[in-house]
């Protein structure tokens, strides 16, 4: 049996770094954001989850999953 530990709130500093990085690129993978800002992928994923709930970031599903600032990338219909 596997138990997933509940994650606490995202680090506000990591959330700010994610937003700053996404402001410089059109779209990115969470792994690339983590490398760019010097954070773990799990911390970036947690920050992105909160930023998505805050309607600041959105997931893009274009052959693979990307993240971007809300409304920055127009997706094909």
N, C-alpha and C. Protein backbone atom coordinates (compact mmCIF):
# COMPACT_ATOMS: atom_id res chain seq x y z
N UNK A 1 0.84 -1.17 0.00
CA UNK A 1 0.00 0.00 0.00
C UNK A 1 0.90 1.24 0.00
N UNK A 2 0.56 2.21 -0.85
CA UNK A 2 1.34 3.44 -0.96
C UNK A 2 0.50 4.60 -0.45
N UNK A 3 1.08 5.36 0.45
CA UNK A 3 0.40 6.55 0.96
C UNK A 3 1.11 7.78 0.42
N UNK A 4 0.34 8.69 -0.15
CA UNK A 4 0.90 9.94 -0.64
C UNK A 4 0.86 10.94 0.50
N UNK A 5 1.99 11.55 0.76
CA UNK A 5 2.01 12.57 1.81
C UNK A 5 1.40 13.85 1.25
N UNK A 6 0.58 14.46 2.03
CA UNK A 6 -0.03 15.73 1.61
C UNK A 6 1.04 16.81 1.59
N UNK A 7 1.05 17.58 0.54
CA UNK A 7 2.01 18.69 0.43
C UNK A 7 1.40 19.91 1.09
N UNK A 8 2.25 20.66 1.73
CA UNK A 8 1.80 21.91 2.32
C UNK A 8 1.68 22.98 1.26
N UNK A 9 1.41 24.20 1.67
CA UNK A 9 1.31 25.29 0.70
C UNK A 9 2.64 25.49 -0.03
N UNK A 10 2.54 25.96 -1.25
CA UNK A 10 3.75 26.21 -2.05
C UNK A 10 4.53 27.38 -1.46
N UNK A 11 5.84 27.33 -1.63
CA UNK A 11 6.72 28.40 -1.19
C UNK A 11 6.44 29.64 -2.05
N UNK A 12 6.08 30.77 -1.42
CA UNK A 12 5.78 31.98 -2.19
C UNK A 12 6.94 32.43 -3.07
N UNK A 13 8.16 32.19 -2.63
CA UNK A 13 9.34 32.57 -3.43
C UNK A 13 9.40 31.75 -4.71
N UNK A 14 9.10 30.46 -4.62
CA UNK A 14 9.11 29.61 -5.82
C UNK A 14 7.97 30.02 -6.75
N UNK A 15 6.81 30.34 -6.20
CA UNK A 15 5.70 30.80 -7.04
C UNK A 15 6.10 32.06 -7.80
N UNK A 16 6.76 32.98 -7.13
CA UNK A 16 7.19 34.22 -7.77
C UNK A 16 8.21 33.94 -8.87
N UNK A 17 9.14 33.01 -8.61
CA UNK A 17 10.16 32.67 -9.61
C UNK A 17 9.52 31.99 -10.81
N UNK A 18 8.53 31.14 -10.58
CA UNK A 18 7.83 30.48 -11.69
C UNK A 18 7.15 31.53 -12.57
N UNK A 19 6.45 32.47 -11.95
CA UNK A 19 5.77 33.52 -12.72
C UNK A 19 6.78 34.37 -13.49
N UNK A 20 7.90 34.70 -12.85
CA UNK A 20 8.92 35.51 -13.51
C UNK A 20 9.49 34.76 -14.72
N UNK A 21 9.80 33.48 -14.54
CA UNK A 21 10.35 32.69 -15.64
C UNK A 21 9.34 32.56 -16.77
N UNK A 22 8.09 32.26 -16.44
CA UNK A 22 7.07 32.10 -17.49
C UNK A 22 6.81 33.41 -18.22
N UNK A 23 7.11 34.53 -17.58
CA UNK A 23 6.99 35.81 -18.25
C UNK A 23 8.03 36.02 -19.33
N UNK A 24 9.11 35.26 -19.28
CA UNK A 24 10.23 35.39 -20.23
C UNK A 24 10.14 34.42 -21.40
N UNK A 25 9.30 33.39 -21.27
CA UNK A 25 9.19 32.37 -22.32
C UNK A 25 7.74 32.26 -22.76
N UNK A 26 7.52 31.63 -23.92
CA UNK A 26 6.14 31.45 -24.37
C UNK A 26 5.46 30.33 -23.60
N UNK A 27 6.17 29.21 -23.47
CA UNK A 27 5.65 28.06 -22.71
C UNK A 27 6.84 27.25 -22.25
N UNK A 28 6.64 26.40 -21.26
CA UNK A 28 7.74 25.60 -20.73
C UNK A 28 7.19 24.35 -20.07
N UNK A 29 8.06 23.37 -19.93
CA UNK A 29 7.73 22.17 -19.17
C UNK A 29 8.12 22.43 -17.71
N UNK A 30 7.41 21.83 -16.80
CA UNK A 30 7.71 22.01 -15.37
C UNK A 30 9.16 21.67 -15.05
N UNK A 31 9.66 20.63 -15.65
CA UNK A 31 11.05 20.19 -15.42
C UNK A 31 12.02 21.29 -15.84
N UNK A 32 11.76 21.94 -16.98
CA UNK A 32 12.63 23.01 -17.46
C UNK A 32 12.56 24.24 -16.54
N UNK A 33 11.37 24.53 -16.04
CA UNK A 33 11.22 25.65 -15.10
C UNK A 33 12.03 25.36 -13.84
N UNK A 34 11.93 24.13 -13.34
CA UNK A 34 12.65 23.76 -12.13
C UNK A 34 14.16 23.96 -12.30
N UNK A 35 14.70 23.51 -13.43
CA UNK A 35 16.13 23.67 -13.69
C UNK A 35 16.49 25.15 -13.78
N UNK A 36 15.66 25.92 -14.48
CA UNK A 36 15.94 27.34 -14.71
C UNK A 36 15.94 28.15 -13.42
N UNK A 37 15.05 27.80 -12.48
CA UNK A 37 14.97 28.59 -11.26
C UNK A 37 15.69 27.95 -10.07
N UNK A 38 16.28 26.78 -10.31
CA UNK A 38 17.04 26.12 -9.26
C UNK A 38 16.18 25.54 -8.14
N UNK A 39 15.05 24.97 -8.51
CA UNK A 39 14.14 24.37 -7.54
C UNK A 39 13.87 22.92 -7.94
N UNK A 40 13.31 22.15 -7.02
CA UNK A 40 12.96 20.77 -7.35
C UNK A 40 11.69 20.77 -8.20
N UNK A 41 11.55 19.74 -9.04
CA UNK A 41 10.36 19.65 -9.89
C UNK A 41 9.10 19.53 -9.03
N UNK A 42 9.18 18.81 -7.92
CA UNK A 42 7.99 18.66 -7.08
C UNK A 42 7.58 20.00 -6.47
N UNK A 43 8.55 20.85 -6.11
CA UNK A 43 8.21 22.17 -5.58
C UNK A 43 7.59 23.05 -6.68
N UNK A 44 8.12 22.94 -7.91
CA UNK A 44 7.56 23.69 -9.03
C UNK A 44 6.15 23.18 -9.32
N UNK A 45 5.95 21.87 -9.34
CA UNK A 45 4.62 21.31 -9.59
C UNK A 45 3.61 21.81 -8.56
N UNK A 46 4.03 21.87 -7.30
CA UNK A 46 3.15 22.35 -6.23
C UNK A 46 2.82 23.83 -6.44
N UNK A 47 3.82 24.63 -6.82
CA UNK A 47 3.60 26.05 -7.08
C UNK A 47 2.66 26.23 -8.27
N UNK A 48 2.88 25.46 -9.34
CA UNK A 48 2.05 25.57 -10.54
C UNK A 48 0.61 25.18 -10.22
N UNK A 49 0.44 24.18 -9.40
CA UNK A 49 -0.92 23.76 -9.01
C UNK A 49 -1.65 24.93 -8.34
N UNK A 50 -0.97 25.62 -7.44
CA UNK A 50 -1.60 26.77 -6.77
C UNK A 50 -1.81 27.93 -7.73
N UNK A 51 -0.82 28.19 -8.58
CA UNK A 51 -0.94 29.29 -9.54
C UNK A 51 -2.06 29.04 -10.54
N UNK A 52 -2.31 27.78 -10.87
CA UNK A 52 -3.42 27.42 -11.74
C UNK A 52 -4.74 27.69 -11.02
N UNK A 53 -4.81 27.31 -9.76
CA UNK A 53 -6.03 27.56 -8.97
C UNK A 53 -6.28 29.05 -8.82
N UNK A 54 -5.20 29.85 -8.81
CA UNK A 54 -5.31 31.31 -8.71
C UNK A 54 -5.57 31.95 -10.08
N UNK A 55 -5.69 31.12 -11.12
CA UNK A 55 -5.98 31.57 -12.49
C UNK A 55 -4.87 32.44 -13.08
N UNK A 56 -3.62 32.15 -12.70
CA UNK A 56 -2.46 32.88 -13.22
C UNK A 56 -1.67 32.07 -14.23
N UNK A 57 -1.78 30.76 -14.15
CA UNK A 57 -1.03 29.84 -15.00
C UNK A 57 -2.02 28.83 -15.54
N UNK A 58 -1.75 28.32 -16.74
CA UNK A 58 -2.61 27.29 -17.30
C UNK A 58 -1.76 26.18 -17.90
N UNK A 59 -2.35 25.01 -17.96
CA UNK A 59 -1.69 23.87 -18.59
C UNK A 59 -2.04 23.88 -20.07
N UNK A 60 -1.08 23.55 -20.91
CA UNK A 60 -1.30 23.40 -22.35
C UNK A 60 -1.03 21.95 -22.70
N UNK A 61 -1.92 21.35 -23.43
CA UNK A 61 -1.74 19.96 -23.86
C UNK A 61 -1.55 19.95 -25.36
N UNK A 62 -0.28 20.06 -25.79
CA UNK A 62 0.07 20.09 -27.21
C UNK A 62 1.10 18.97 -27.42
N UNK A 63 0.66 17.81 -27.70
CA UNK A 63 1.47 16.58 -27.83
C UNK A 63 2.14 16.20 -26.51
N UNK A 64 2.40 17.15 -25.66
CA UNK A 64 2.93 16.91 -24.32
C UNK A 64 2.40 18.05 -23.46
N UNK A 65 2.65 18.03 -22.18
CA UNK A 65 2.10 19.06 -21.30
C UNK A 65 3.09 20.18 -21.07
N UNK A 66 2.64 21.40 -21.32
CA UNK A 66 3.42 22.61 -21.06
C UNK A 66 2.64 23.46 -20.06
N UNK A 67 3.31 24.46 -19.50
CA UNK A 67 2.64 25.45 -18.68
C UNK A 67 2.99 26.82 -19.25
N UNK A 68 2.11 27.78 -19.05
CA UNK A 68 2.35 29.15 -19.52
C UNK A 68 1.54 30.11 -18.67
N UNK A 69 1.85 31.39 -18.78
CA UNK A 69 1.02 32.38 -18.12
C UNK A 69 -0.36 32.34 -18.76
N UNK A 70 -1.37 32.51 -17.95
CA UNK A 70 -2.75 32.45 -18.41
C UNK A 70 -2.96 33.41 -19.57
N UNK A 71 -3.46 32.88 -20.68
CA UNK A 71 -3.78 33.69 -21.85
C UNK A 71 -2.61 34.06 -22.75
N UNK A 72 -1.40 33.64 -22.40
CA UNK A 72 -0.22 34.02 -23.19
C UNK A 72 -0.14 33.26 -24.50
N UNK A 73 -0.59 32.02 -24.52
CA UNK A 73 -0.52 31.19 -25.72
C UNK A 73 -1.91 30.88 -26.21
N UNK A 74 -2.15 31.14 -27.48
CA UNK A 74 -3.44 30.81 -28.09
C UNK A 74 -3.39 29.35 -28.53
N UNK A 75 -4.31 28.55 -28.06
CA UNK A 75 -4.34 27.14 -28.43
C UNK A 75 -5.23 26.96 -29.64
N UNK A 76 -4.88 25.99 -30.50
CA UNK A 76 -5.72 25.73 -31.67
C UNK A 76 -7.08 25.18 -31.24
N UNK A 77 -8.11 25.55 -31.96
CA UNK A 77 -9.46 25.09 -31.63
C UNK A 77 -9.72 23.70 -32.12
